[in-house]
Amino acid sequence: MVLQQKENVAFWGKYVPNSSVTVKGTWGEASSCTSDNDGNWKLLIPTTEAGGPFEIDIITKDTTLTLKDVMIGEVWVCSGQSNMEWRLRSSRDADIEIPSARYPAIRFIRIEPEGLPEPQDDFPSENGAGIWSQCSPETIGDCSGVAYFFGQRLHRRRRRELCRVP
């Protein structure tokens, strides 16, 4: 996953009612809260500047869930209609772009469109959707082509900015 850098980012879930939950990142920050009477909990944890990969532990009295390979950086949401659903594997240069898509710092998540009348707390994780992936030739074919080219260009530009010598 990717978390926005230098922000307080939200984590939430369900646990035993009126119980303590702690979220701890290997970048040195932690935050705790108590679940409500229905077991719902939500907290904010500060993030550092861009970097990673990190791990995040979600700690309760009887278990610890560890999220691995977490990056902190810029989070961009690419959303739209049919042009955003166009997959990279369908692009004119897919035979060149997919084999060269080696950007381990770029992560993506594909969320299937759903028209629901009420806000949702989560989304389904089926058929590769709803799962964070590292940009590689094995994973990028089903990514939005528009989102991929945007991310690739942004990544290259940021890399050039970081490599400039003052």
Protein backbone atom coordinates (compact mmCIF):
# COMPACT_ATOMS: atom_id res chain seq x y z
CA MET A 1 0.00 0.00 0.00
CA VAL A 2 0.96 3.66 -0.20
CA LEU A 3 0.28 6.21 2.52
CA GLN A 4 0.40 9.96 1.94
CA GLN A 5 3.64 11.45 3.25
CA LYS A 6 3.76 14.03 6.07
CA GLU A 7 0.07 13.64 6.97
CA ASN A 8 -2.09 12.10 9.65
CA VAL A 9 -3.55 9.07 7.87
CA ALA A 10 -6.63 7.18 9.02
CA PHE A 11 -6.81 3.51 9.95
CA TRP A 12 -10.10 1.93 10.99
CA GLY A 13 -11.74 -1.42 11.53
CA LYS A 14 -13.81 -3.58 13.83
CA TYR A 15 -12.71 -5.34 16.99
CA VAL A 16 -14.11 -6.41 20.35
CA PRO A 17 -16.27 -3.56 21.75
CA ASN A 18 -14.58 -1.17 24.20
CA SER A 19 -11.09 -2.60 23.60
CA SER A 20 -7.73 -1.01 22.87
CA VAL A 21 -6.23 -0.98 19.36
CA THR A 22 -2.76 0.35 18.53
CA VAL A 23 -1.32 1.04 15.08
CA LYS A 24 2.48 1.23 14.98
CA GLY A 25 4.66 2.02 11.96
CA THR A 26 8.32 1.07 11.64
CA TRP A 27 9.05 4.70 10.76
CA GLY A 28 8.68 5.37 14.51
CA GLU A 29 5.10 6.56 15.01
CA ALA A 30 2.23 4.89 16.85
CA SER A 31 -1.34 5.76 17.77
CA SER A 32 -3.96 4.09 19.95
CA CYS A 33 -7.70 4.25 20.46
CA THR A 34 -10.55 2.30 22.05
CA SER A 35 -13.25 0.65 19.98
CA ASP A 36 -16.80 1.88 20.57
CA ASN A 37 -19.78 -0.11 21.90
CA ASP A 38 -20.28 -1.65 18.43
CA GLY A 39 -16.60 -2.57 18.05
CA ASN A 40 -15.79 0.15 15.51
CA TRP A 41 -12.48 1.94 15.85
CA LYS A 42 -10.68 4.68 13.94
CA LEU A 43 -7.43 6.52 14.58
CA LEU A 44 -4.93 8.79 12.87
CA ILE A 45 -1.20 8.09 12.68
CA PRO A 46 1.39 10.59 11.42
CA THR A 47 3.56 9.59 8.48
CA THR A 48 7.11 10.60 7.68
CA GLU A 49 8.53 11.91 4.41
CA ALA A 50 8.57 9.63 1.37
CA GLY A 51 10.34 6.32 1.83
CA GLY A 52 9.96 2.67 2.55
CA PRO A 53 9.20 -0.08 2.43
CA PHE A 54 7.86 -0.01 5.98
CA GLU A 55 5.75 -2.33 8.11
CA ILE A 56 2.64 -1.46 10.11
CA ASP A 57 1.48 -3.47 13.12
CA ILE A 58 -2.17 -3.37 14.16
CA ILE A 59 -2.03 -4.55 17.76
CA THR A 60 -4.83 -5.76 20.04
CA LYS A 61 -4.74 -7.65 23.34
CA ASP A 62 -4.85 -11.03 21.57
CA THR A 63 -3.34 -10.54 18.13
CA THR A 64 -1.02 -8.50 15.93
CA LEU A 65 -1.68 -8.04 12.21
CA THR A 66 1.40 -6.91 10.24
CA LEU A 67 1.07 -5.07 6.93
CA LYS A 68 4.31 -5.38 4.95
CA ASP A 69 5.85 -3.59 2.01
CA VAL A 70 4.15 -0.26 2.81
CA MET A 71 5.45 2.81 1.02
CA ILE A 72 5.03 6.42 2.11
CA GLY A 73 4.94 9.05 -0.61
CA GLU A 74 2.50 10.71 -2.93
CA VAL A 75 -0.95 9.19 -3.34
CA TRP A 76 -2.74 10.00 -6.57
CA VAL A 77 -6.28 8.86 -7.32
CA CYS A 78 -7.04 8.25 -10.99
CA SER A 79 -10.75 8.13 -11.58
CA GLY A 80 -13.03 8.55 -14.54
CA GLN A 81 -15.26 6.73 -16.92
CA SER A 82 -14.37 4.32 -19.73
CA ASN A 83 -11.04 6.02 -20.48
CA MET A 84 -9.81 5.07 -16.99
CA GLU A 85 -10.95 1.48 -17.41
CA TRP A 86 -8.76 1.08 -20.51
CA ARG A 87 -6.12 -1.47 -19.47
CA LEU A 88 -2.43 -1.14 -20.26
CA ARG A 89 -2.48 -4.58 -21.95
CA SER A 90 -4.82 -3.04 -24.57
CA SER A 91 -2.48 -0.15 -25.41
CA ARG A 92 -0.80 0.22 -28.79
CA ASP A 93 2.66 -0.24 -27.25
CA ALA A 94 1.76 -2.92 -24.68
CA ASP A 95 4.44 -5.26 -26.07
CA ILE A 96 7.09 -2.61 -25.21
CA GLU A 97 5.59 -1.01 -22.08
CA ILE A 98 4.64 -4.11 -20.08
CA PRO A 99 8.05 -5.86 -20.19
CA SER A 100 9.79 -2.59 -19.19
CA ALA A 101 7.35 -1.73 -16.36
CA ARG A 102 9.89 -2.13 -13.56
CA TYR A 103 9.05 0.59 -11.05
CA PRO A 104 9.12 -1.04 -7.60
CA ALA A 105 8.37 2.29 -5.87
CA ILE A 106 5.09 2.66 -7.80
CA ARG A 107 2.12 0.85 -6.27
CA PHE A 108 -1.40 0.62 -7.58
CA ILE A 109 -4.77 -0.68 -6.54
CA ARG A 110 -7.67 -1.32 -8.90
CA ILE A 111 -11.14 -0.86 -7.47
CA GLU A 112 -14.07 -2.17 -9.46
CA PRO A 113 -16.79 0.42 -10.07
CA GLU A 114 -19.95 -0.04 -8.03
CA GLY A 115 -23.02 2.16 -7.97
CA LEU A 116 -24.38 2.03 -4.43
CA PRO A 117 -26.72 4.56 -2.80
CA GLU A 118 -24.93 4.62 0.60
CA PRO A 119 -21.29 5.27 1.51
CA GLN A 120 -19.27 2.07 1.99
CA ASP A 121 -16.62 1.27 4.62
CA ASP A 122 -14.79 -1.15 2.32
CA PHE A 123 -14.79 -2.60 -1.19
CA PRO A 124 -14.67 -6.17 -2.46
CA SER A 125 -11.31 -7.82 -3.15
CA GLU A 126 -11.98 -10.21 -6.02
CA ASN A 127 -10.22 -11.17 -9.26
CA GLY A 128 -7.17 -9.05 -8.46
CA ALA A 129 -9.21 -5.93 -7.69
CA GLY A 130 -8.84 -4.31 -4.28
CA ILE A 131 -5.28 -5.61 -3.81
CA TRP A 132 -2.24 -3.32 -3.70
CA SER A 133 0.39 -4.36 -6.27
CA GLN A 134 3.94 -3.33 -7.03
CA CYS A 135 4.46 -2.10 -10.60
CA SER A 136 6.10 -4.95 -12.51
CA PRO A 137 5.65 -6.71 -15.86
CA GLU A 138 3.71 -9.44 -14.04
CA THR A 139 1.16 -7.08 -12.45
CA ILE A 140 0.76 -4.00 -14.64
CA GLY A 141 -1.23 -5.39 -17.60
CA ASP A 142 -4.60 -4.96 -15.87
CA CYS A 143 -3.76 -1.50 -14.49
CA SER A 144 -5.47 1.50 -16.07
CA GLY A 145 -3.28 2.55 -18.99
CA VAL A 146 -3.95 6.22 -18.28
CA ALA A 147 -3.04 5.79 -14.61
CA TYR A 148 0.11 3.83 -15.52
CA PHE A 149 1.43 6.46 -17.96
CA PHE A 150 0.63 9.22 -15.45
CA GLY A 151 2.46 7.37 -12.65
CA GLN A 152 5.41 6.55 -14.89
CA ARG A 153 5.81 10.17 -15.96
CA LEU A 154 5.44 11.49 -12.42
CA HIS A 155 7.95 8.93 -11.13
CA ARG A 156 10.53 9.86 -13.77
CA ARG A 157 10.07 13.60 -13.13
CA ARG A 158 10.42 13.20 -9.34
CA ARG A 159 13.50 11.05 -9.82
CA ARG A 160 15.14 13.73 -11.97
CA GLU A 161 14.28 16.38 -9.33
CA LEU A 162 15.79 14.27 -6.55
CA CYS A 163 18.98 13.59 -8.55
CA ARG A 164 19.76 17.25 -9.25
CA VAL A 165 22.87 18.50 -7.53
CA PRO A 166 22.42 21.98 -6.00
